[in-house]
Amino acid sequence: MLEDLPKQFSSHVISIVKKNGGHYMEAVIESCEVFNIEPQVAGKFLDKPIVEKIQAEGEAMNLLPRSQKLPFSP
C-alpha cells in the first residue's frame, strides 16, 4: 500500500487541479491534508511533470528565480 502512495498522491493532486482549476501548489497542500502528510515530505511523492508545473507557477508568481533562457529562439 505504501508503494502506491506516490502514484495516488500525484493522481490526487492532478484531479484537484482539473476539478477546481487552481494552482498545483494549492492542490499539493490540499492533498497533504487528505493524505495526512507534511508538505516537506510531499515533494518525494510528486512525479516530474507536477514538479515542473509547480516550478513554472513559482517563477510566474516571482516566488522562484526564473530559469535562464537563451536570448534567441530556435
Protein backbone atom coordinates (compact mmCIF):
# COMPACT_ATOMS: atom_id res chain seq x y z
CA MET A 1 0.00 0.00 0.00
CA LEU A 2 2.80 2.44 0.81
CA GLU A 3 4.49 1.74 -2.51
CA ASP A 4 1.36 3.06 -4.27
CA LEU A 5 1.33 6.28 -2.24
CA PRO A 6 3.41 8.38 -4.69
CA LYS A 7 1.14 7.44 -7.59
CA GLN A 8 -2.03 8.00 -5.55
CA PHE A 9 -0.76 11.32 -4.24
CA SER A 10 0.19 12.62 -7.70
CA SER A 11 -3.13 11.46 -9.13
CA HIS A 12 -4.98 13.22 -6.34
CA VAL A 13 -3.09 16.47 -7.00
CA ILE A 14 -3.90 16.30 -10.71
CA SER A 15 -7.57 15.56 -10.05
CA ILE A 16 -7.85 18.58 -7.73
CA VAL A 17 -6.33 20.88 -10.36
CA LYS A 18 -8.63 19.53 -13.08
CA LYS A 19 -11.70 19.72 -10.87
CA ASN A 20 -11.11 23.13 -9.27
CA GLY A 21 -8.90 24.79 -11.89
CA GLY A 22 -6.50 26.05 -9.24
CA HIS A 23 -2.75 26.04 -8.88
CA TYR A 24 -0.66 22.93 -8.38
CA MET A 25 0.87 24.38 -5.19
CA GLU A 26 -2.58 24.71 -3.63
CA ALA A 27 -3.53 21.21 -4.79
CA VAL A 28 -0.42 19.77 -3.12
CA ILE A 29 -1.31 21.42 0.20
CA GLU A 30 -4.89 20.15 -0.03
CA SER A 31 -3.63 16.65 -0.86
CA CYS A 32 -1.30 16.77 2.13
CA GLU A 33 -4.31 17.34 4.35
CA VAL A 34 -6.21 14.46 2.76
CA PHE A 35 -3.28 12.03 2.99
CA ASN A 36 -2.22 13.39 6.40
CA ILE A 37 1.40 14.07 5.42
CA GLU A 38 3.63 17.10 5.89
CA PRO A 39 4.23 19.36 2.86
CA GLN A 40 8.00 18.89 3.32
CA VAL A 41 7.54 15.16 2.74
CA ALA A 42 5.11 15.58 -0.15
CA GLY A 43 7.89 16.52 -2.58
CA LYS A 44 9.07 12.92 -2.52
CA PHE A 45 5.67 11.76 -3.76
CA LEU A 46 5.35 14.11 -6.74
CA ASP A 47 6.19 12.99 -10.24
CA LYS A 48 8.43 15.07 -12.51
CA PRO A 49 5.69 16.76 -14.60
CA ILE A 50 3.99 18.07 -11.45
CA VAL A 51 7.29 19.35 -10.06
CA GLU A 52 7.94 21.17 -13.35
CA LYS A 53 4.47 22.74 -13.26
CA ILE A 54 4.99 23.86 -9.66
CA GLN A 55 8.33 25.39 -10.64
CA ALA A 56 6.68 27.24 -13.55
CA GLU A 57 3.96 28.53 -11.21
CA GLY A 58 6.57 29.67 -8.71
CA GLU A 59 8.50 31.51 -11.41
CA ALA A 60 5.32 33.14 -12.75
CA MET A 61 4.44 34.38 -9.25
CA ASN A 62 8.02 35.56 -8.63
CA LEU A 63 8.38 33.08 -5.77
CA LEU A 64 11.29 31.36 -7.52
CA PRO A 65 14.02 32.84 -9.68
CA ARG A 66 13.34 32.45 -13.38
CA SER A 67 15.27 29.79 -15.26
CA GLN A 68 17.94 31.11 -17.59
CA LYS A 69 16.77 31.26 -21.18
CA LEU A 70 18.76 31.85 -24.30
CA PRO A 71 18.32 35.32 -25.82
CA PHE A 72 17.12 33.78 -29.09
CA SER A 73 14.62 31.14 -30.07
CA PRO A 74 15.48 28.27 -32.43
